[in-house]
Amino acid sequence: MSYASRIINHSRKLRNAPNLLQHERARLARCFSIEAQPSMNRNQDNCKTQFHGYQAPTRKRIPEPASNHAKLSFGAQTRNISTCFTQGSLFNENSCSQVQSRRSYASAADLPPHQEIGMPSLSPTMSEGNIARWLKKEGEKVSPGEVLCEVETDKATVEMECMEEGYLAKIIRGDGSKEIQVGEIIAITVEDEDDIAKFKDYQPSASGASAAPAKEPSAPPPPKKEVVDEPAQEPEQKVSKPSASPPSGDRIFASPLARQYAEEKNIPLSSIKGTGPEGLIVKGDIDDYLASGVKEVSAYSKTKVVDAALDYTDIPVSQIRKITASRLLLSKQTIPHYYVTVDTCVDKLMSLRAQLNSLQESSGGARISVNDLVIKAAALALRKVPQCNSSWTDDYIRQYHNVNVNVAVQTDHGLFVPVIRDADKKGLSKIAEEVKLLASKAKENSLKPQDYEGGTFTVSNLGGPFGIKQFCAIINPPQSGILAVGSAEKRVIPGSGPGEYNFASFMSVTLSCDHRVIDGAIGAEWLKAFKNYIENPESMLL
């Protein structure tokens, strides 16, 4: 009897199975519809928008009716998708692809939608820059085309312009801030003026500071090696490492925030004992060191007794000098230099220069210098021997059809090399005007990228200004040649008859060549052509 009753009960459940399945299908449909989608997917879209600026989510969303715009939810804030993904960048076309700016939407209700402006990359070799000065103040309105600030790059001071209308809510890195990495946040902008006050205490590095220490101690190299070599003594090594590592002369482990803070306070990390994981020095350790006061400062001063007899001044290294040093070091380490020198008679050149300057003075034009004539002769020699107007790559040699001559200019800010474009096609008067203008801009530290980029050859003259007789210059990569020009001096030369002697002025020039591009015979051929133009200057006017 019990078996029969069980069979009847199961048969009733089977009859209701279609209704149960239909009910479950309805529940699943509601779960995966856009109206009842879990908050997890919306949070993922939130992350994509927050960390990737205007990048639209890659997942296709189910569209809603055309009458209602789909919106993304960011805590208490909502923003229309069509607005988020169609607005332009903050900067103009020249710097748009280089500027690190992004839309951010904080989870807290007191932070409205805003835009983080990062340090832009304004030259191909720039990795960090300095803020010369801000031309806009916090709270001011910014309009398209207005200059926000002046950025000191590795080559010059460049103006950073605004392309989008809004308000400068917060300046993160103020006037004179140095060594700002490309992409590091320097300012915040908002669209509504009422939102400015909400960013008074905004610190974009707060999340990064908390995340940085968590990453560094996760895999520091020394503990890894010790654990592999002696796993049985791992607990003892971990305990002894914090006290043993700071006094040693080896690498000191500290969080990025602690290193920056110690550098600002001029505190040596070697005198601080880290309390973080594996002896890591954190910002709190530096605060404790400062709080300890005179005792530890005097202890550090004892280590500097050796330098007490020395009188010196530490001069800050500008960004321009840093990049110049790194490029010249790279040139000497990677480019196989060789040098060829020749003496050129400049008597005819000086005579022609005097005649041309008399014409220039009467017409009100710029005076022509010996360096202007040298630039013209070098440009014509490059057109005659185009192999020297080239650069090396790993797969091919690139030979340029434009002859753009860089001219080395020494200033108080460092060494600049403004470029005279198509120097082989320009007259001496035009070259003189451009050299004078670019030299004055270099001394004022106001060169633009177009004023120094794109050169194919360089001329460096230490003879006229400094009286140097002869020197060898370092190639400016990626170029393959540079001409070093010395001073002119009078020499005694044999005359036409026996026992006769004459006087003549000679100028020594040295060509530095990249042997990967310019063979010795080619370098000698170029120098021969250059000498011919200098000793027969009338041919440059043809």
Protein backbone atom coordinates (compact mmCIF):
# COMPACT_ATOMS: atom_id res chain seq x y z
CA MET A 1 0.00 0.00 0.00
CA SER A 2 2.89 2.36 0.83
CA TYR A 3 4.50 1.77 -2.59
CA ALA A 4 1.25 2.64 -4.34
CA SER A 5 0.91 5.94 -2.41
CA ARG A 6 4.51 6.96 -3.30
CA ILE A 7 3.87 6.29 -6.98
CA ILE A 8 0.75 8.48 -6.87
CA ASN A 9 2.66 11.35 -5.18
CA HIS A 10 5.51 11.24 -7.76
CA SER A 11 3.03 11.21 -10.60
CA ARG A 12 1.48 14.44 -9.26
CA LYS A 13 4.93 16.14 -9.15
CA LEU A 14 5.68 15.06 -12.71
CA ARG A 15 2.42 16.57 -13.87
CA ASN A 16 3.49 19.95 -12.31
CA ALA A 17 7.02 19.83 -13.84
CA PRO A 18 6.18 21.98 -16.92
CA ASN A 19 4.83 24.74 -14.68
CA LEU A 20 7.97 24.65 -12.52
CA LEU A 21 10.27 24.84 -15.57
CA GLN A 22 8.31 27.75 -17.00
CA HIS A 23 8.62 29.58 -13.67
CA GLU A 24 12.40 29.02 -13.56
CA ARG A 25 12.81 30.26 -17.15
CA ALA A 26 11.03 33.46 -16.22
CA ARG A 27 13.33 33.98 -13.24
CA LEU A 28 16.44 33.44 -15.38
CA ALA A 29 15.18 35.87 -17.99
CA ARG A 30 14.68 38.55 -15.37
CA CYS A 31 18.14 37.91 -13.88
CA PHE A 32 19.94 38.43 -17.19
CA SER A 33 17.82 41.31 -18.46
CA ILE A 34 19.30 44.85 -18.35
CA GLU A 35 16.67 45.99 -15.87
CA ALA A 36 17.63 43.36 -13.27
CA GLN A 37 21.32 42.93 -14.17
CA PRO A 38 23.53 42.31 -11.10
CA SER A 39 25.51 45.24 -9.81
CA MET A 40 28.72 43.32 -10.48
CA ASN A 41 28.53 43.98 -14.24
CA ARG A 42 27.75 47.64 -13.64
CA ASN A 43 30.74 47.90 -11.32
CA GLN A 44 32.94 46.40 -14.01
CA ASP A 45 31.75 49.08 -16.46
CA ASN A 46 32.41 51.64 -13.75
CA CYS A 47 36.03 50.47 -13.43
CA LYS A 48 36.52 50.58 -17.17
CA THR A 49 35.30 54.13 -17.39
CA GLN A 50 37.24 55.28 -14.34
CA PHE A 51 40.64 53.90 -15.32
CA HIS A 52 40.51 54.15 -19.10
CA GLY A 53 39.08 57.61 -19.68
CA TYR A 54 36.80 57.56 -22.70
CA GLN A 55 37.22 53.89 -23.59
CA ALA A 56 33.79 52.34 -24.14
CA PRO A 57 33.06 48.93 -22.55
CA THR A 58 33.91 46.09 -24.92
CA ARG A 59 30.90 44.01 -23.83
CA LYS A 60 27.80 44.68 -25.92
CA ARG A 61 24.93 45.91 -23.79
CA ILE A 62 21.27 45.26 -24.50
CA PRO A 63 19.92 48.57 -25.80
CA GLU A 64 17.01 50.26 -24.11
CA PRO A 65 14.22 52.07 -25.99
CA ALA A 66 15.41 55.01 -28.05
CA SER A 67 13.53 57.50 -25.91
CA ASN A 68 15.73 56.86 -22.87
CA HIS A 69 19.54 57.26 -22.91
CA ALA A 70 21.37 54.46 -21.12
CA LYS A 71 23.26 55.67 -18.04
CA LEU A 72 26.11 54.30 -16.02
CA SER A 73 25.77 54.44 -12.24
CA PHE A 74 28.70 55.70 -10.13
CA GLY A 75 27.49 55.64 -6.50
CA ALA A 76 25.32 58.72 -6.11
CA GLN A 77 26.41 60.12 -9.51
CA THR A 78 25.10 59.22 -12.97
CA ARG A 79 26.45 60.27 -16.32
CA ASN A 80 25.04 59.86 -19.82
CA ILE A 81 27.03 57.37 -21.91
CA SER A 82 26.76 59.46 -25.04
CA THR A 83 28.35 62.37 -23.16
CA CYS A 84 31.12 60.26 -21.58
CA PHE A 85 32.33 58.69 -24.81
CA THR A 86 32.03 61.60 -27.24
CA GLN A 87 33.73 64.46 -25.40
CA GLY A 88 37.16 65.47 -26.73
CA SER A 89 40.49 65.53 -24.98
CA LEU A 90 41.58 68.56 -22.98
CA PHE A 91 44.58 69.42 -25.14
CA ASN A 92 45.24 70.42 -28.70
CA GLU A 93 46.25 68.20 -31.59
CA ASN A 94 49.95 68.55 -30.95
CA SER A 95 49.77 67.16 -27.44
CA CYS A 96 46.49 65.25 -27.46
CA SER A 97 48.02 61.82 -27.91
CA GLN A 98 50.75 62.57 -25.39
CA VAL A 99 48.82 64.05 -22.48
CA GLN A 100 47.78 61.69 -19.73
CA SER A 101 44.26 62.94 -18.97
CA ARG A 102 41.31 60.81 -17.99
CA ARG A 103 37.78 61.02 -16.70
CA SER A 104 37.38 59.81 -13.12
CA TYR A 105 34.28 59.04 -11.12
CA ALA A 106 34.86 58.58 -7.40
CA SER A 107 32.75 56.18 -5.39
CA ALA A 108 32.25 58.81 -2.67
CA ALA A 109 29.23 61.04 -3.15
CA ASP A 110 31.20 64.23 -2.38
CA LEU A 111 33.49 63.89 -5.43
CA PRO A 112 31.70 64.71 -8.67
CA PRO A 113 32.92 63.73 -12.16
CA HIS A 114 36.29 65.30 -12.87
CA GLN A 115 39.28 65.06 -15.17
CA GLU A 116 42.82 64.19 -14.05
CA ILE A 117 45.54 65.92 -16.08
CA GLY A 118 48.86 64.09 -16.24
CA MET A 119 52.33 65.32 -17.08
CA PRO A 120 52.45 65.20 -20.90
CA SER A 121 55.25 63.75 -23.02
CA LEU A 122 56.22 66.76 -25.12
CA SER A 123 59.31 65.33 -26.84
CA PRO A 124 60.37 61.87 -28.04
CA THR A 125 63.05 61.55 -25.35
CA MET A 126 61.10 63.02 -22.43
CA SER A 127 60.55 60.74 -19.43
CA GLU A 128 60.01 63.43 -16.77
CA GLY A 129 59.55 67.18 -16.68
CA ASN A 130 59.30 70.23 -14.46
CA ILE A 131 56.51 72.77 -13.95
CA ALA A 132 58.02 76.19 -14.69
CA ARG A 133 54.90 78.13 -13.68
CA TRP A 134 51.11 77.96 -13.80
CA LEU A 135 49.42 80.69 -15.84
CA LYS A 136 46.00 79.70 -14.49
CA LYS A 137 45.06 79.66 -10.81
CA GLU A 138 42.78 77.32 -8.91
CA GLY A 139 39.14 78.22 -9.43
CA GLU A 140 39.71 80.06 -12.69
CA LYS A 141 37.77 79.20 -15.80
CA VAL A 142 39.73 77.65 -18.68
CA SER A 143 38.73 77.96 -22.31
CA PRO A 144 39.97 76.29 -25.50
CA GLY A 145 43.31 77.72 -26.65
CA GLU A 146 44.32 79.19 -23.29
CA VAL A 147 47.69 78.24 -21.81
CA LEU A 148 47.41 76.31 -18.55
CA CYS A 149 51.08 76.15 -17.57
CA GLU A 150 54.65 76.12 -18.86
CA VAL A 151 56.40 72.74 -18.78
CA GLU A 152 60.18 72.45 -18.81
CA THR A 153 61.02 69.43 -20.97
CA ASP A 154 64.36 67.83 -21.70
CA LYS A 155 64.95 70.37 -24.48
CA ALA A 156 62.97 73.56 -23.85
CA THR A 157 60.08 75.18 -22.01
CA VAL A 158 56.79 74.38 -23.73
CA GLU A 159 53.33 75.85 -23.17
CA MET A 160 50.54 73.38 -22.39
CA GLU A 161 47.26 74.59 -23.86
CA CYS A 162 43.65 73.78 -23.00
CA MET A 163 41.10 72.52 -25.53
CA GLU A 164 38.02 71.95 -23.37
CA GLU A 165 36.04 74.46 -21.40
CA GLY A 166 35.86 73.98 -17.65
CA TYR A 167 37.35 75.08 -14.32
CA LEU A 168 40.77 74.39 -12.79
CA ALA A 169 39.68 72.79 -9.52
CA LYS A 170 43.02 71.69 -8.04
CA ILE A 171 46.72 72.13 -8.84
CA ILE A 172 48.50 69.01 -7.58
CA ARG A 173 52.06 70.01 -8.56
CA GLY A 174 52.68 73.74 -8.18
CA ASP A 175 55.23 76.18 -9.63
CA GLY A 176 58.79 74.89 -9.58
CA SER A 177 57.84 71.22 -9.12
CA LYS A 178 60.66 69.09 -10.49
CA GLU A 179 61.23 65.57 -11.80
CA ILE A 180 57.55 64.82 -12.44
CA GLN A 181 57.23 61.50 -14.24
CA VAL A 182 55.28 61.43 -17.51
CA GLY A 183 51.68 60.52 -16.68
CA GLU A 184 51.84 61.69 -13.06
CA ILE A 185 48.78 63.75 -12.12
CA ILE A 186 49.48 67.50 -11.99
CA ALA A 187 45.98 69.05 -11.91
CA ILE A 188 42.23 68.40 -11.73
CA THR A 189 39.53 70.08 -13.85
CA VAL A 190 35.75 70.02 -13.48
CA GLU A 191 32.89 71.14 -15.68
CA ASP A 192 30.76 72.87 -13.03
CA GLU A 193 32.04 75.79 -10.96
CA ASP A 194 30.12 74.55 -7.92
CA ASP A 195 32.28 71.40 -7.83
CA ILE A 196 35.57 73.27 -7.28
CA ALA A 197 35.30 73.41 -3.49
CA LYS A 198 34.89 69.63 -3.25
CA PHE A 199 38.49 69.12 -4.48
CA LYS A 200 40.17 71.38 -1.91
CA ASP A 201 41.83 68.45 -0.14
CA TYR A 202 41.97 66.09 -3.11
CA GLN A 203 45.05 63.85 -3.16
CA PRO A 204 45.25 61.48 -6.16
CA SER A 205 48.28 59.71 -4.70
CA ALA A 206 46.38 58.47 -1.63
CA SER A 207 45.34 55.19 -3.26
CA GLY A 208 48.69 54.78 -4.94
CA ALA A 209 50.54 55.33 -1.67
CA SER A 210 48.59 52.62 0.05
CA ALA A 211 49.05 50.22 -2.81
CA ALA A 212 52.76 50.80 -3.38
CA PRO A 213 54.06 49.33 -0.11
CA ALA A 214 51.86 46.29 -0.60
CA LYS A 215 53.53 45.54 -3.92
CA GLU A 216 57.18 46.06 -3.03
CA PRO A 217 57.58 43.71 -0.07
CA SER A 218 55.67 40.95 -1.86
CA ALA A 219 58.76 39.85 -3.75
CA PRO A 220 61.97 41.62 -2.65
CA PRO A 221 65.01 39.95 -4.27
CA PRO A 222 67.20 39.30 -1.18
CA PRO A 223 64.58 37.42 0.91
CA LYS A 224 63.78 35.20 -2.08
CA LYS A 225 67.36 34.08 -2.49
CA GLU A 226 67.79 33.43 1.23
CA VAL A 227 64.62 31.37 1.44
CA VAL A 228 65.71 29.16 -1.46
CA ASP A 229 69.24 28.63 -0.18
CA GLU A 230 68.46 27.97 3.49
CA PRO A 231 64.74 27.23 3.95
CA ALA A 232 65.27 25.82 7.43
CA GLN A 233 66.61 29.16 8.73
CA GLU A 234 63.94 31.31 7.10
CA PRO A 235 62.32 32.57 10.36
CA GLU A 236 65.69 33.66 11.81
CA GLN A 237 66.69 35.51 8.66
CA LYS A 238 63.44 37.40 8.51
CA VAL A 239 63.84 38.58 12.08
CA SER A 240 67.48 39.64 11.74
CA LYS A 241 67.19 41.30 8.32
CA PRO A 242 65.58 44.60 9.43
CA SER A 243 68.38 45.33 11.90
CA ALA A 244 71.16 44.10 9.62
CA SER A 245 70.23 45.66 6.29
CA PRO A 246 70.27 49.41 7.10
CA PRO A 247 73.84 49.58 8.49
CA SER A 248 75.27 47.66 5.55
CA GLY A 249 76.39 49.40 2.39
CA ASP A 250 74.03 47.34 0.25
CA ARG A 251 70.75 48.38 -1.29
CA ILE A 252 68.24 49.98 1.07
CA PHE A 253 64.61 48.97 0.60
CA ALA A 254 62.03 51.71 1.00
CA SER A 255 58.61 52.50 -0.40
CA PRO A 256 58.45 55.11 -3.22
CA LEU A 257 56.56 57.50 -0.94
CA ALA A 258 59.21 57.13 1.77
CA ARG A 259 62.04 57.75 -0.71
CA GLN A 260 60.41 60.91 -2.02
CA TYR A 261 59.64 62.14 1.48
CA ALA A 262 63.21 61.48 2.65
CA GLU A 263 64.61 63.32 -0.37
CA GLU A 264 62.42 66.35 0.34
CA LYS A 265 63.60 66.42 3.97
CA ASN A 266 67.27 65.73 3.04
CA ILE A 267 67.35 62.66 5.26
CA PRO A 268 69.70 59.72 4.46
CA LEU A 269 67.81 56.43 4.29
CA SER A 270 70.89 54.60 5.60
CA SER A 271 70.33 56.09 9.05
CA ILE A 272 66.72 54.94 9.31
CA LYS A 273 65.63 51.51 10.53
CA GLY A 274 62.65 50.15 8.61
CA THR A 275 59.67 48.74 10.48
CA GLY A 276 57.77 47.49 7.45
CA PRO A 277 57.73 43.95 6.08
CA GLU A 278 61.26 42.57 5.57
CA GLY A 279 62.76 45.79 6.97
CA LEU A 280 61.06 48.05 4.41
CA ILE A 281 61.32 51.75 5.26
CA VAL A 282 57.91 53.44 5.19
CA LYS A 283 56.86 57.07 5.61
CA GLY A 284 56.09 56.55 9.30
CA ASP A 285 59.71 55.59 9.96
CA ILE A 286 60.84 58.95 8.57
CA ASP A 287 58.30 60.78 10.71
CA ASP A 288 59.67 58.95 13.77
CA TYR A 289 63.20 59.89 12.73
CA LEU A 290 62.24 63.56 12.47
CA ALA A 291 60.42 63.38 15.80
CA SER A 292 63.56 62.00 17.50
CA GLY A 293 65.20 65.35 16.74
CA VAL A 294 68.75 66.47 17.58
CA LYS A 295 70.19 63.15 18.73
CA GLU A 296 69.94 61.33 15.40
CA VAL A 297 70.71 64.42 13.31
CA SER A 298 73.96 64.88 15.22
CA ALA A 299 74.72 61.18 14.74
CA TYR A 300 74.40 61.62 11.00
CA SER A 301 76.55 64.74 11.01
CA LYS A 302 79.42 62.72 12.48
CA THR A 303 79.59 60.70 9.28
CA LYS A 304 80.16 63.92 7.36
CA VAL A 305 83.22 65.09 9.28
CA VAL A 306 85.42 64.00 6.39
CA ASP A 307 83.81 66.64 4.16
CA ALA A 308 84.16 69.43 6.71
CA ALA A 309 87.36 70.76 5.10
CA LEU A 310 85.74 70.99 1.65
CA ASP A 311 83.99 74.13 0.50
CA TYR A 312 81.51 73.41 -2.28
CA THR A 313 78.12 74.27 -3.75
CA ASP A 314 75.66 71.67 -5.05
CA ILE A 315 74.14 72.99 -8.27
CA PRO A 316 70.79 71.42 -9.23
CA VAL A 317 70.89 69.59 -12.54
CA SER A 318 68.31 70.90 -15.01
CA GLN A 319 66.18 68.56 -17.07
CA ILE A 320 67.90 69.74 -20.25
CA ARG A 321 71.34 68.93 -18.88
CA LYS A 322 70.19 65.49 -17.70
CA ILE A 323 68.92 64.49 -21.14
CA THR A 324 71.94 66.00 -22.89
CA ALA A 325 74.25 63.98 -20.64
CA SER A 326 72.36 60.74 -21.21
CA ARG A 327 72.30 61.20 -25.00
CA LEU A 328 75.98 62.04 -25.23
CA LEU A 329 76.83 59.06 -23.04
CA LEU A 330 74.72 56.85 -25.27
CA SER A 331 76.50 58.28 -28.32
CA LYS A 332 80.01 57.53 -27.03
CA GLN A 333 79.03 54.06 -25.84
CA THR A 334 77.13 52.87 -28.92
CA ILE A 335 78.44 54.86 -31.92
CA PRO A 336 81.90 53.93 -33.33
CA HIS A 337 83.41 57.40 -33.80
CA TYR A 338 86.31 58.24 -36.04
CA TYR A 339 87.71 61.69 -36.79
CA VAL A 340 89.20 63.41 -39.84
CA THR A 341 90.78 66.88 -39.69
CA VAL A 342 91.74 69.36 -42.38
CA ASP A 343 93.11 72.94 -42.46
CA THR A 344 91.26 75.36 -44.73
CA CYS A 345 92.54 78.71 -45.95
CA VAL A 346 89.91 81.37 -45.18
CA ASP A 347 91.44 84.48 -46.77
CA LYS A 348 88.98 84.52 -49.68
CA LEU A 349 86.14 83.70 -47.28
CA MET A 350 86.96 86.71 -45.09
CA SER A 351 87.20 88.98 -48.14
CA LEU A 352 83.81 87.83 -49.43
CA ARG A 353 82.26 88.24 -45.97
CA ALA A 354 83.47 91.86 -45.78
CA GLN A 355 81.90 92.65 -49.16
CA LEU A 356 78.59 90.99 -48.24
CA ASN A 357 78.40 92.75 -44.87
CA SER A 358 78.88 96.13 -46.52
CA LEU A 359 75.86 95.33 -48.69
CA GLN A 360 73.90 94.09 -45.68
CA GLU A 361 74.59 97.26 -43.70
CA SER A 362 73.43 99.46 -46.56
CA SER A 363 70.19 97.44 -46.90
CA GLY A 364 69.60 97.07 -43.15
CA GLY A 365 70.03 93.29 -43.13
CA ALA A 366 71.70 91.09 -40.51
CA ARG A 367 75.46 90.83 -40.58
CA ILE A 368 76.86 87.56 -41.92
CA SER A 369 79.25 85.69 -39.61
CA VAL A 370 81.92 83.14 -40.41
CA ASN A 371 79.67 80.53 -38.80
CA ASP A 372 76.89 81.36 -41.30
CA LEU A 373 79.30 80.71 -44.17
CA VAL A 374 80.41 77.45 -42.52
CA ILE A 375 76.77 76.30 -42.23
CA LYS A 376 76.17 77.05 -45.90
CA ALA A 377 79.35 75.25 -46.98
CA ALA A 378 78.48 72.21 -44.82
CA ALA A 379 74.96 72.07 -46.27
CA LEU A 380 76.24 72.19 -49.85
CA ALA A 381 78.84 69.50 -49.07
CA LEU A 382 76.04 67.29 -47.68
CA ARG A 383 74.08 67.74 -50.87
CA LYS A 384 77.18 66.81 -52.87
CA VAL A 385 78.03 63.79 -50.66
CA PRO A 386 74.58 62.59 -49.48
CA GLN A 387 75.99 59.49 -47.71
CA CYS A 388 76.97 61.79 -44.84
CA ASN A 389 73.39 63.06 -44.60
CA SER A 390 72.16 59.76 -43.17
CA SER A 391 71.43 57.89 -39.96
CA TRP A 392 71.85 54.30 -38.81
CA THR A 393 69.10 51.83 -37.93
CA ASP A 394 69.47 48.15 -37.17
CA ASP A 395 67.92 47.11 -40.49
CA TYR A 396 68.84 49.89 -42.93
CA ILE A 397 70.61 53.23 -43.42
CA ARG A 398 68.20 56.13 -43.79
CA GLN A 399 69.45 58.76 -46.23
CA TYR A 400 67.70 62.13 -45.93
CA HIS A 401 66.70 64.29 -48.88
CA ASN A 402 66.39 67.41 -46.73
CA VAL A 403 69.57 69.06 -45.48
CA ASN A 404 68.68 70.33 -41.99
CA VAL A 405 71.71 71.61 -40.09
CA ASN A 406 71.66 71.84 -36.28
CA VAL A 407 73.76 74.62 -34.75
CA ALA A 408 75.14 74.08 -31.23
CA VAL A 409 74.36 77.03 -28.92
CA GLN A 410 75.68 77.24 -25.36
CA THR A 411 73.42 78.99 -22.83
CA ASP A 412 73.08 79.33 -19.07
CA HIS A 413 70.36 76.66 -19.19
CA GLY A 414 72.51 74.13 -21.05
CA LEU A 415 73.42 73.14 -24.60
CA PHE A 416 70.80 73.68 -27.32
CA VAL A 417 70.93 72.66 -30.98
CA PRO A 418 68.34 74.65 -32.97
CA VAL A 419 67.94 73.59 -36.59
CA ILE A 420 68.25 75.50 -39.87
CA ARG A 421 65.94 73.64 -42.25
CA ASP A 422 66.88 73.23 -45.93
CA ALA A 423 70.09 75.16 -45.37
CA ASP A 424 71.38 74.12 -48.79
CA LYS A 425 68.53 76.03 -50.49
CA LYS A 426 68.68 79.24 -48.42
CA GLY A 427 70.79 82.29 -49.01
CA LEU A 428 73.41 83.54 -46.58
CA SER A 429 71.24 86.46 -45.49
CA LYS A 430 68.34 84.13 -44.60
CA ILE A 431 70.64 81.75 -42.72
CA ALA A 432 72.12 84.67 -40.73
CA GLU A 433 68.65 85.88 -39.72
CA GLU A 434 67.48 82.42 -38.61
CA VAL A 435 70.65 81.68 -36.63
CA LYS A 436 70.39 85.00 -34.80
CA LEU A 437 66.69 84.44 -33.98
CA LEU A 438 67.12 80.84 -32.81
CA ALA A 439 70.18 81.71 -30.72
CA SER A 440 68.24 84.42 -28.88
CA LYS A 441 65.31 82.03 -28.28
CA ALA A 442 67.73 79.41 -26.94
CA LYS A 443 69.24 81.88 -24.48
CA GLU A 444 65.73 82.83 -23.33
CA ASN A 445 64.84 79.12 -22.98
CA SER A 446 61.85 79.60 -25.27
CA LEU A 447 62.60 77.17 -28.11
CA LYS A 448 59.66 75.15 -29.44
CA PRO A 449 60.02 71.48 -30.47
CA GLN A 450 59.88 72.47 -34.14
CA ASP A 451 62.91 74.71 -33.55
CA TYR A 452 65.28 71.84 -32.68
CA GLU A 453 63.79 68.59 -34.01
CA GLY A 454 64.44 67.09 -37.44
CA GLY A 455 68.12 67.88 -37.89
CA THR A 456 70.28 65.65 -40.13
CA PHE A 457 73.76 67.09 -39.37
CA THR A 458 75.30 69.33 -36.69
CA VAL A 459 77.87 72.14 -36.70
CA SER A 460 79.65 73.07 -33.46
CA ASN A 461 81.86 76.16 -33.52
CA LEU A 462 84.20 76.83 -30.58
CA GLY A 463 86.73 78.76 -32.65
CA GLY A 464 85.07 82.11 -33.20
CA PRO A 465 83.56 82.64 -29.71
CA PHE A 466 86.27 80.95 -27.62
CA GLY A 467 89.42 80.82 -29.75
CA ILE A 468 89.74 77.01 -29.60
CA LYS A 469 92.16 75.86 -32.26
CA GLN A 470 90.90 72.32 -32.80
CA PHE A 471 88.61 69.80 -31.03
CA CYS A 472 86.60 66.63 -31.64
CA ALA A 473 82.83 66.81 -31.13
CA ILE A 474 80.48 63.99 -30.06
CA ILE A 475 77.88 62.89 -32.60
CA ASN A 476 74.29 63.90 -31.86
CA PRO A 477 72.24 60.70 -32.35
CA PRO A 478 70.57 59.60 -34.57
CA GLN A 479 72.76 61.69 -36.88
CA SER A 480 75.95 60.19 -38.28
CA GLY A 481 78.19 63.26 -38.43
CA ILE A 482 79.12 66.49 -36.67
CA LEU A 483 81.60 69.18 -37.72
CA ALA A 484 83.84 70.78 -35.07
CA VAL A 485 85.08 74.22 -36.19
CA GLY A 486 88.19 75.79 -34.68
CA SER A 487 89.52 79.35 -34.82
CA ALA A 488 91.37 80.94 -37.73
CA GLU A 489 95.04 81.81 -37.23
CA LYS A 490 97.70 83.39 -39.40
CA ARG A 491 100.50 81.17 -40.61
CA VAL A 492 103.63 81.63 -42.67
CA ILE A 493 103.49 79.79 -46.00
CA PRO A 494 106.03 79.46 -48.85
CA GLY A 495 105.82 82.10 -51.61
CA SER A 496 106.04 81.69 -55.37
CA GLY A 497 109.80 82.20 -55.54
CA PRO A 498 112.75 80.84 -53.59
CA GLY A 499 113.17 82.48 -50.23
CA GLU A 500 109.76 84.15 -50.44
CA TYR A 501 107.18 83.75 -47.72
CA ASN A 502 103.61 84.92 -47.35
CA PHE A 503 101.01 85.05 -44.62
CA ALA A 504 97.63 83.30 -44.76
CA SER A 505 94.78 82.52 -42.34
CA PHE A 506 93.91 78.90 -41.76
CA MET A 507 90.98 77.34 -39.92
CA SER A 508 91.07 73.77 -38.62
CA VAL A 509 87.88 71.69 -38.86
CA THR A 510 87.33 68.11 -37.63
CA LEU A 511 84.57 65.82 -38.88
CA SER A 512 83.31 63.17 -36.44
CA CYS A 513 81.76 60.23 -38.29
CA ASP A 514 79.69 57.18 -37.42
CA HIS A 515 81.71 54.38 -39.01
CA ARG A 516 78.60 52.23 -39.38
CA VAL A 517 77.23 54.76 -41.89
CA ILE A 518 80.19 56.76 -43.22
CA ASP A 519 83.26 54.90 -44.39
CA GLY A 520 86.64 56.59 -44.07
CA ALA A 521 86.87 57.43 -47.77
CA ILE A 522 83.36 58.92 -47.76
CA GLY A 523 84.22 61.10 -44.76
CA ALA A 524 87.38 62.30 -46.51
CA GLU A 525 85.38 63.03 -49.68
CA TRP A 526 82.90 65.15 -47.73
CA LEU A 527 85.68 67.07 -46.01
CA LYS A 528 87.32 67.69 -49.39
CA ALA A 529 84.06 69.14 -50.74
CA PHE A 530 83.65 71.31 -47.65
CA LYS A 531 87.21 72.65 -47.96
CA ASN A 532 86.63 73.51 -51.61
CA TYR A 533 83.55 75.61 -50.73
CA ILE A 534 85.44 77.42 -47.93
CA GLU A 535 88.51 78.19 -50.04
CA ASN A 536 86.40 79.13 -53.09
CA PRO A 537 83.40 80.82 -51.43
CA GLU A 538 82.13 82.30 -54.71
CA SER A 539 80.99 78.80 -55.69
CA MET A 540 78.48 78.87 -52.80
CA LEU A 541 76.67 81.75 -54.48
CA LEU A 542 76.12 79.91 -57.76
